Amino acid sequence: MAIPIDRGILIRGRPLFGANKTYRGVLAVALGASAGYWLQGAVPALQPASFRALPTLGLVFLGFALGVAAMLSELPNSFLKRQLDIAPGAPGGGSTSVFFYLLDQVDLLLGAWLVAAGWVTPTLSRVLWSILFVVVVHQVISMLGALLGMRATSR
């Protein structure tokens, strides 16, 4: 499953998405999201009201779909960065660095919101809160990973 999604395809001599975007990554996130939604079923107060009506198996499938959609929505960002010769995980340089740094944090929300929109109306407030949540949680996880020696940096 550690096979690159782009299967080594090159465009303009550059990888389509790169070796870091694998089927294993999509499956791991989808299974992790399924497990998370299964656990949320035990604490309905953590769920949006519209998810509470779903049976446990429905929550598991929803989590899986959200995970797949989130990972696939990272692909356009990867494509753009590969075509601009920006290394995987790097924000780029100069004026584009802030743009790509933020895009790396929130690109997954596009796919997640496309799936979740069937149950939760994506209002401006909800979308902005989800962006803030993802950015903050990503920073915390990155710092913990660096402190535990699981990441080279806290970025």
N, C-alpha and C. Protein backbone atom coordinates (compact mmCIF):
# COMPACT_ATOMS: atom_id res chain seq x y z
N MET A 1 0.81 -1.21 0.00
CA MET A 1 0.00 0.00 0.00
C MET A 1 0.85 1.28 0.00
N ALA A 2 2.17 1.14 0.21
CA ALA A 2 3.05 2.31 0.21
C ALA A 2 3.41 2.71 -1.21
N ILE A 3 2.44 2.62 -2.09
CA ILE A 3 2.64 2.93 -3.50
C ILE A 3 2.19 4.37 -3.74
N PRO A 4 3.03 5.19 -4.37
CA PRO A 4 2.60 6.56 -4.67
C PRO A 4 1.34 6.57 -5.54
N ILE A 5 0.42 7.44 -5.19
CA ILE A 5 -0.83 7.56 -5.95
C ILE A 5 -0.56 7.92 -7.40
N ASP A 6 0.47 8.73 -7.64
CA ASP A 6 0.75 9.16 -9.01
C ASP A 6 1.51 8.12 -9.83
N ARG A 7 1.92 7.01 -9.18
CA ARG A 7 2.62 5.91 -9.85
C ARG A 7 3.85 6.38 -10.63
N GLY A 8 4.46 7.49 -10.16
CA GLY A 8 5.68 7.97 -10.80
C GLY A 8 5.47 8.82 -12.03
N ILE A 9 4.23 9.18 -12.32
CA ILE A 9 3.95 10.00 -13.50
C ILE A 9 4.61 11.37 -13.33
N LEU A 10 5.21 11.84 -14.42
CA LEU A 10 5.86 13.14 -14.42
C LEU A 10 5.11 14.09 -15.35
N ILE A 11 5.03 15.34 -14.93
CA ILE A 11 4.49 16.40 -15.78
C ILE A 11 5.56 17.49 -15.80
N ARG A 12 5.97 17.85 -17.01
CA ARG A 12 7.06 18.82 -17.17
C ARG A 12 8.31 18.38 -16.43
N GLY A 13 8.52 17.06 -16.35
CA GLY A 13 9.70 16.52 -15.70
C GLY A 13 9.62 16.51 -14.18
N ARG A 14 8.45 16.82 -13.64
CA ARG A 14 8.28 16.86 -12.18
C ARG A 14 7.19 15.87 -11.78
N PRO A 15 7.28 15.31 -10.57
CA PRO A 15 6.25 14.36 -10.13
C PRO A 15 4.86 14.99 -10.11
N LEU A 16 3.85 14.19 -10.41
CA LEU A 16 2.47 14.66 -10.39
C LEU A 16 2.10 15.10 -8.97
N PHE A 17 2.27 14.19 -7.98
CA PHE A 17 1.99 14.51 -6.57
C PHE A 17 3.21 14.28 -5.68
N GLY A 18 4.05 13.35 -6.06
CA GLY A 18 5.22 13.02 -5.26
C GLY A 18 5.07 11.70 -4.53
N ALA A 19 6.18 11.19 -4.06
CA ALA A 19 6.24 9.87 -3.43
C ALA A 19 5.58 9.82 -2.06
N ASN A 20 5.35 10.98 -1.43
CA ASN A 20 4.75 10.98 -0.09
C ASN A 20 3.24 10.79 -0.09
N LYS A 21 2.60 10.93 -1.23
CA LYS A 21 1.14 10.74 -1.32
C LYS A 21 0.89 9.31 -1.78
N THR A 22 0.60 8.44 -0.81
CA THR A 22 0.45 7.01 -1.10
C THR A 22 -0.95 6.51 -0.77
N TYR A 23 -1.26 5.35 -1.34
CA TYR A 23 -2.53 4.68 -1.02
C TYR A 23 -2.57 4.32 0.47
N ARG A 24 -1.43 3.96 1.02
CA ARG A 24 -1.36 3.62 2.44
C ARG A 24 -1.75 4.82 3.29
N GLY A 25 -1.31 6.00 2.95
CA GLY A 25 -1.65 7.21 3.69
C GLY A 25 -3.14 7.49 3.66
N VAL A 26 -3.74 7.36 2.47
CA VAL A 26 -5.19 7.59 2.36
C VAL A 26 -5.95 6.57 3.21
N LEU A 27 -5.55 5.30 3.11
CA LEU A 27 -6.23 4.25 3.87
C LEU A 27 -6.03 4.44 5.38
N ALA A 28 -4.83 4.80 5.80
CA ALA A 28 -4.55 4.99 7.23
C ALA A 28 -5.41 6.12 7.81
N VAL A 29 -5.50 7.22 7.09
CA VAL A 29 -6.31 8.33 7.57
C VAL A 29 -7.79 7.95 7.57
N ALA A 30 -8.23 7.26 6.53
CA ALA A 30 -9.64 6.84 6.47
C ALA A 30 -9.98 5.89 7.62
N LEU A 31 -9.10 4.95 7.90
CA LEU A 31 -9.35 4.01 9.01
C LEU A 31 -9.28 4.73 10.36
N GLY A 32 -8.34 5.66 10.49
CA GLY A 32 -8.25 6.44 11.73
C GLY A 32 -9.49 7.29 11.95
N ALA A 33 -9.98 7.91 10.88
CA ALA A 33 -11.21 8.71 11.00
C ALA A 33 -12.40 7.82 11.33
N SER A 34 -12.45 6.63 10.74
CA SER A 34 -13.53 5.68 11.06
C SER A 34 -13.50 5.33 12.54
N ALA A 35 -12.32 5.05 13.06
CA ALA A 35 -12.18 4.73 14.49
C ALA A 35 -12.58 5.92 15.35
N GLY A 36 -12.18 7.11 14.95
CA GLY A 36 -12.55 8.31 15.70
C GLY A 36 -14.04 8.53 15.74
N TYR A 37 -14.71 8.32 14.62
CA TYR A 37 -16.16 8.50 14.59
C TYR A 37 -16.87 7.39 15.35
N TRP A 38 -16.29 6.20 15.33
CA TRP A 38 -16.85 5.10 16.13
C TRP A 38 -16.77 5.46 17.61
N LEU A 39 -15.63 6.00 18.04
CA LEU A 39 -15.47 6.42 19.44
C LEU A 39 -16.40 7.57 19.79
N GLN A 40 -16.59 8.48 18.84
CA GLN A 40 -17.51 9.59 19.09
C GLN A 40 -18.93 9.10 19.32
N GLY A 41 -19.26 7.97 18.73
CA GLY A 41 -20.59 7.39 18.94
C GLY A 41 -20.85 7.11 20.41
N ALA A 42 -19.79 6.90 21.18
CA ALA A 42 -19.93 6.64 22.61
C ALA A 42 -20.19 7.93 23.39
N VAL A 43 -19.86 9.08 22.80
CA VAL A 43 -20.07 10.37 23.45
C VAL A 43 -20.80 11.28 22.46
N PRO A 44 -22.11 11.10 22.32
CA PRO A 44 -22.86 11.88 21.33
C PRO A 44 -22.74 13.40 21.48
N ALA A 45 -22.45 13.87 22.67
CA ALA A 45 -22.31 15.33 22.86
C ALA A 45 -21.16 15.90 22.04
N LEU A 46 -20.22 15.06 21.62
CA LEU A 46 -19.09 15.52 20.81
C LEU A 46 -19.44 15.64 19.33
N GLN A 47 -20.60 15.16 18.95
CA GLN A 47 -20.99 15.13 17.55
C GLN A 47 -21.95 16.26 17.21
N PRO A 48 -21.93 16.70 15.95
CA PRO A 48 -23.02 17.59 15.52
C PRO A 48 -24.35 16.84 15.67
N ALA A 49 -25.39 17.55 15.99
CA ALA A 49 -26.69 16.92 16.22
C ALA A 49 -27.12 16.05 15.04
N SER A 50 -26.81 16.48 13.82
CA SER A 50 -27.24 15.72 12.64
C SER A 50 -26.52 14.38 12.52
N PHE A 51 -25.35 14.22 13.16
CA PHE A 51 -24.65 12.94 13.13
C PHE A 51 -25.22 11.97 14.16
N ARG A 52 -25.87 12.48 15.18
CA ARG A 52 -26.37 11.63 16.26
C ARG A 52 -27.43 10.65 15.80
N ALA A 53 -28.10 10.97 14.71
CA ALA A 53 -29.15 10.09 14.20
C ALA A 53 -28.56 8.88 13.46
N LEU A 54 -27.28 8.93 13.15
CA LEU A 54 -26.66 7.83 12.41
C LEU A 54 -26.39 6.65 13.33
N PRO A 55 -26.61 5.44 12.83
CA PRO A 55 -26.22 4.27 13.60
C PRO A 55 -24.69 4.18 13.66
N THR A 56 -24.17 3.36 14.53
CA THR A 56 -22.72 3.24 14.70
C THR A 56 -22.03 2.92 13.38
N LEU A 57 -22.57 1.99 12.62
CA LEU A 57 -21.95 1.63 11.33
C LEU A 57 -21.99 2.82 10.38
N GLY A 58 -23.04 3.61 10.43
CA GLY A 58 -23.12 4.82 9.61
C GLY A 58 -22.04 5.82 9.97
N LEU A 59 -21.77 5.96 11.28
CA LEU A 59 -20.69 6.85 11.72
C LEU A 59 -19.33 6.36 11.23
N VAL A 60 -19.14 5.05 11.26
CA VAL A 60 -17.88 4.47 10.79
C VAL A 60 -17.69 4.76 9.30
N PHE A 61 -18.75 4.56 8.52
CA PHE A 61 -18.66 4.84 7.08
C PHE A 61 -18.47 6.33 6.81
N LEU A 62 -19.13 7.18 7.59
CA LEU A 62 -18.96 8.62 7.45
C LEU A 62 -17.51 9.01 7.74
N GLY A 63 -16.95 8.48 8.82
CA GLY A 63 -15.55 8.75 9.15
C GLY A 63 -14.63 8.31 8.04
N PHE A 64 -14.88 7.14 7.47
CA PHE A 64 -14.05 6.63 6.37
C PHE A 64 -14.13 7.59 5.17
N ALA A 65 -15.35 7.98 4.81
CA ALA A 65 -15.53 8.89 3.67
C ALA A 65 -14.87 10.24 3.92
N LEU A 66 -14.99 10.76 5.14
CA LEU A 66 -14.35 12.03 5.48
C LEU A 66 -12.83 11.91 5.37
N GLY A 67 -12.28 10.80 5.86
CA GLY A 67 -10.83 10.59 5.78
C GLY A 67 -10.33 10.52 4.35
N VAL A 68 -11.02 9.76 3.52
CA VAL A 68 -10.61 9.64 2.11
C VAL A 68 -10.71 11.00 1.43
N ALA A 69 -11.83 11.69 1.63
CA ALA A 69 -12.03 12.99 0.98
C ALA A 69 -10.98 14.01 1.44
N ALA A 70 -10.67 13.99 2.72
CA ALA A 70 -9.67 14.92 3.25
C ALA A 70 -8.31 14.67 2.61
N MET A 71 -7.92 13.41 2.50
CA MET A 71 -6.61 13.10 1.92
C MET A 71 -6.57 13.41 0.42
N LEU A 72 -7.65 13.12 -0.28
CA LEU A 72 -7.66 13.41 -1.72
C LEU A 72 -7.66 14.91 -1.98
N SER A 73 -8.22 15.69 -1.06
CA SER A 73 -8.23 17.14 -1.28
C SER A 73 -6.87 17.77 -1.04
N GLU A 74 -5.91 17.00 -0.56
CA GLU A 74 -4.53 17.50 -0.45
C GLU A 74 -3.78 17.38 -1.78
N LEU A 75 -4.30 16.60 -2.70
CA LEU A 75 -3.57 16.35 -3.95
C LEU A 75 -3.37 17.59 -4.83
N PRO A 76 -4.37 18.47 -5.00
CA PRO A 76 -4.10 19.67 -5.81
C PRO A 76 -2.96 20.53 -5.25
N ASN A 77 -2.89 20.66 -3.94
CA ASN A 77 -1.81 21.41 -3.31
C ASN A 77 -0.46 20.74 -3.61
N SER A 78 -0.41 19.41 -3.49
CA SER A 78 0.82 18.69 -3.79
C SER A 78 1.22 18.86 -5.25
N PHE A 79 0.24 18.78 -6.14
CA PHE A 79 0.52 18.97 -7.56
C PHE A 79 1.13 20.35 -7.81
N LEU A 80 0.50 21.39 -7.24
CA LEU A 80 0.99 22.75 -7.43
C LEU A 80 2.41 22.91 -6.89
N LYS A 81 2.65 22.39 -5.70
CA LYS A 81 3.98 22.51 -5.10
C LYS A 81 5.03 21.76 -5.90
N ARG A 82 4.70 20.56 -6.41
CA ARG A 82 5.68 19.83 -7.21
C ARG A 82 6.00 20.59 -8.48
N GLN A 83 4.98 21.21 -9.11
CA GLN A 83 5.22 21.95 -10.34
C GLN A 83 6.03 23.23 -10.11
N LEU A 84 5.97 23.75 -8.88
CA LEU A 84 6.75 24.94 -8.53
C LEU A 84 8.09 24.57 -7.89
N ASP A 85 8.44 23.28 -7.92
CA ASP A 85 9.69 22.77 -7.34
C ASP A 85 9.81 23.04 -5.83
N ILE A 86 8.67 22.97 -5.12
CA ILE A 86 8.68 23.11 -3.67
C ILE A 86 8.69 21.70 -3.09
N ALA A 87 9.64 21.44 -2.21
CA ALA A 87 9.80 20.10 -1.64
C ALA A 87 8.59 19.71 -0.79
N PRO A 88 8.29 18.40 -0.73
CA PRO A 88 7.18 17.94 0.12
C PRO A 88 7.37 18.41 1.56
N GLY A 89 6.30 18.96 2.12
CA GLY A 89 6.34 19.43 3.50
C GLY A 89 6.95 20.81 3.68
N ALA A 90 7.55 21.34 2.63
CA ALA A 90 8.17 22.67 2.71
C ALA A 90 7.16 23.74 2.29
N PRO A 91 7.25 24.92 2.90
CA PRO A 91 6.30 25.98 2.56
C PRO A 91 6.70 26.79 1.33
N GLY A 92 7.85 26.53 0.78
CA GLY A 92 8.32 27.35 -0.33
C GLY A 92 9.14 28.50 0.20
N GLY A 93 9.43 29.43 -0.66
CA GLY A 93 10.24 30.55 -0.23
C GLY A 93 9.59 31.88 -0.58
N GLY A 94 10.11 32.92 0.01
CA GLY A 94 9.64 34.26 -0.31
C GLY A 94 8.18 34.49 0.05
N SER A 95 7.51 35.24 -0.83
CA SER A 95 6.13 35.64 -0.56
C SER A 95 5.14 34.48 -0.58
N THR A 96 5.49 33.37 -1.19
CA THR A 96 4.56 32.23 -1.25
C THR A 96 4.62 31.36 0.00
N SER A 97 5.61 31.55 0.85
CA SER A 97 5.78 30.65 1.98
C SER A 97 4.60 30.68 2.95
N VAL A 98 4.07 31.85 3.24
CA VAL A 98 2.92 31.94 4.16
C VAL A 98 1.70 31.29 3.52
N PHE A 99 1.49 31.55 2.23
CA PHE A 99 0.35 30.95 1.52
C PHE A 99 0.41 29.43 1.59
N PHE A 100 1.56 28.85 1.22
CA PHE A 100 1.66 27.39 1.21
C PHE A 100 1.67 26.80 2.61
N TYR A 101 2.21 27.51 3.58
CA TYR A 101 2.18 27.02 4.95
C TYR A 101 0.73 26.88 5.42
N LEU A 102 -0.09 27.90 5.19
CA LEU A 102 -1.50 27.82 5.59
C LEU A 102 -2.26 26.81 4.75
N LEU A 103 -1.99 26.77 3.46
CA LEU A 103 -2.67 25.80 2.60
C LEU A 103 -2.35 24.37 3.04
N ASP A 104 -1.10 24.11 3.43
CA ASP A 104 -0.73 22.78 3.93
C ASP A 104 -1.53 22.40 5.16
N GLN A 105 -1.94 23.38 5.95
CA GLN A 105 -2.69 23.10 7.17
C GLN A 105 -4.16 22.79 6.89
N VAL A 106 -4.75 23.51 5.94
CA VAL A 106 -6.21 23.47 5.79
C VAL A 106 -6.73 22.84 4.50
N ASP A 107 -5.85 22.40 3.61
CA ASP A 107 -6.33 21.86 2.33
C ASP A 107 -7.26 20.67 2.52
N LEU A 108 -7.06 19.90 3.56
CA LEU A 108 -7.89 18.74 3.81
C LEU A 108 -9.34 19.11 4.11
N LEU A 109 -9.58 20.34 4.53
CA LEU A 109 -10.94 20.75 4.88
C LEU A 109 -11.88 20.80 3.67
N LEU A 110 -11.35 21.07 2.49
CA LEU A 110 -12.21 21.11 1.31
C LEU A 110 -12.93 19.79 1.13
N GLY A 111 -12.18 18.70 1.11
CA GLY A 111 -12.80 17.39 0.95
C GLY A 111 -13.69 17.02 2.12
N ALA A 112 -13.23 17.33 3.33
CA ALA A 112 -14.02 17.00 4.51
C ALA A 112 -15.36 17.74 4.49
N TRP A 113 -15.33 19.02 4.14
CA TRP A 113 -16.57 19.77 4.09
C TRP A 113 -17.49 19.30 2.96
N LEU A 114 -16.91 18.87 1.84
CA LEU A 114 -17.76 18.34 0.75
C LEU A 114 -18.54 17.12 1.21
N VAL A 115 -17.93 16.27 2.01
CA VAL A 115 -18.62 15.08 2.53
C VAL A 115 -19.56 15.48 3.66
N ALA A 116 -19.08 16.27 4.60
CA ALA A 116 -19.88 16.64 5.78
C ALA A 116 -21.09 17.49 5.41
N ALA A 117 -21.03 18.19 4.28
CA ALA A 117 -22.14 19.07 3.89
C ALA A 117 -23.45 18.32 3.72
N GLY A 118 -23.40 17.03 3.55
CA GLY A 118 -24.63 16.24 3.48
C GLY A 118 -25.36 16.17 4.82
N TRP A 119 -24.67 16.49 5.90
CA TRP A 119 -25.26 16.41 7.24
C TRP A 119 -25.19 17.73 7.99
N VAL A 120 -24.15 18.54 7.70
CA VAL A 120 -23.93 19.79 8.42
C VAL A 120 -23.81 20.92 7.39
N THR A 121 -24.62 21.93 7.52
CA THR A 121 -24.56 23.06 6.59
C THR A 121 -23.27 23.84 6.82
N PRO A 122 -22.45 23.99 5.77
CA PRO A 122 -21.17 24.69 5.93
C PRO A 122 -21.35 26.21 5.93
N THR A 123 -21.72 26.77 7.06
CA THR A 123 -21.85 28.22 7.18
C THR A 123 -20.46 28.85 7.25
N LEU A 124 -20.39 30.14 7.02
CA LEU A 124 -19.10 30.84 7.10
C LEU A 124 -18.49 30.66 8.49
N SER A 125 -19.30 30.78 9.51
CA SER A 125 -18.81 30.62 10.87
C SER A 125 -18.22 29.22 11.10
N ARG A 126 -18.92 28.19 10.66
CA ARG A 126 -18.43 26.82 10.85
C ARG A 126 -17.14 26.58 10.08
N VAL A 127 -17.08 27.07 8.86
CA VAL A 127 -15.87 26.88 8.06
C VAL A 127 -14.69 27.60 8.70
N LEU A 128 -14.90 28.84 9.14
CA LEU A 128 -13.81 29.58 9.79
C LEU A 128 -13.37 28.91 11.09
N TRP A 129 -14.31 28.42 11.88
CA TRP A 129 -13.95 27.72 13.12
C TRP A 129 -13.19 26.44 12.80
N SER A 130 -13.59 25.74 11.73
CA SER A 130 -12.88 24.50 11.38
C SER A 130 -11.45 24.81 10.93
N ILE A 131 -11.27 25.93 10.22
CA ILE A 131 -9.92 26.33 9.81
C ILE A 131 -9.08 26.63 11.05
N LEU A 132 -9.62 27.41 11.97
CA LEU A 132 -8.90 27.74 13.20
C LEU A 132 -8.56 26.48 13.97
N PHE A 133 -9.52 25.57 14.11
CA PHE A 133 -9.30 24.32 14.84
C PHE A 133 -8.18 23.51 14.22
N VAL A 134 -8.22 23.34 12.91
CA VAL A 134 -7.21 22.53 12.23
C VAL A 134 -5.82 23.16 12.37
N VAL A 135 -5.73 24.47 12.21
CA VAL A 135 -4.43 25.13 12.33
C VAL A 135 -3.86 24.96 13.74
N VAL A 136 -4.69 25.17 14.76
CA VAL A 136 -4.22 25.06 16.15
C VAL A 136 -3.85 23.62 16.47
N VAL A 137 -4.72 22.67 16.13
CA VAL A 137 -4.44 21.26 16.44
C VAL A 137 -3.19 20.79 15.72
N HIS A 138 -3.00 21.22 14.48
CA HIS A 138 -1.81 20.82 13.74
C HIS A 138 -0.55 21.29 14.45
N GLN A 139 -0.57 22.52 14.96
CA GLN A 139 0.60 23.04 15.67
C GLN A 139 0.89 22.22 16.92
N VAL A 140 -0.16 21.89 17.67
CA VAL A 140 0.01 21.12 18.90
C VAL A 140 0.57 19.73 18.59
N ILE A 141 0.02 19.07 17.59
CA ILE A 141 0.49 17.74 17.22
C ILE A 141 1.93 17.79 16.73
N SER A 142 2.26 18.80 15.94
CA SER A 142 3.64 18.94 15.45
C SER A 142 4.62 19.15 16.60
N MET A 143 4.25 19.99 17.55
CA MET A 143 5.13 20.22 18.70
C MET A 143 5.30 18.95 19.53
N LEU A 144 4.21 18.24 19.77
CA LEU A 144 4.30 16.98 20.52
C LEU A 144 5.17 15.97 19.78
N GLY A 145 5.00 15.90 18.47
CA GLY A 145 5.81 14.99 17.68
C GLY A 145 7.29 15.30 17.78
N ALA A 146 7.62 16.59 17.76
CA ALA A 146 9.03 17.00 17.89
C ALA A 146 9.55 16.68 19.29
N LEU A 147 8.74 16.97 20.30
CA LEU A 147 9.17 16.68 21.68
C LEU A 147 9.38 15.20 21.92
N LEU A 148 8.58 14.37 21.27
CA LEU A 148 8.69 12.92 21.43
C LEU A 148 9.70 12.29 20.48
N GLY A 149 10.34 13.12 19.66
CA GLY A 149 11.35 12.61 18.73
C GLY A 149 10.75 11.93 17.51
N MET A 150 9.49 12.16 17.25
CA MET A 150 8.81 11.54 16.10
C MET A 150 8.90 12.42 14.85
N ARG A 151 9.29 13.67 15.04
CA ARG A 151 9.45 14.63 13.95
C ARG A 151 10.78 15.33 14.12
N ALA A 152 11.38 15.72 13.01
CA ALA A 152 12.67 16.43 13.08
C ALA A 152 12.49 17.85 13.59
N THR A 153 11.36 18.47 13.24
CA THR A 153 11.09 19.85 13.68
C THR A 153 9.66 19.94 14.17
N SER A 154 9.33 21.08 14.79
CA SER A 154 7.96 21.28 15.25
C SER A 154 7.11 21.97 14.19
N ARG A 155 7.65 22.18 13.01
CA ARG A 155 6.88 22.78 11.93
C ARG A 155 5.95 21.81 11.28
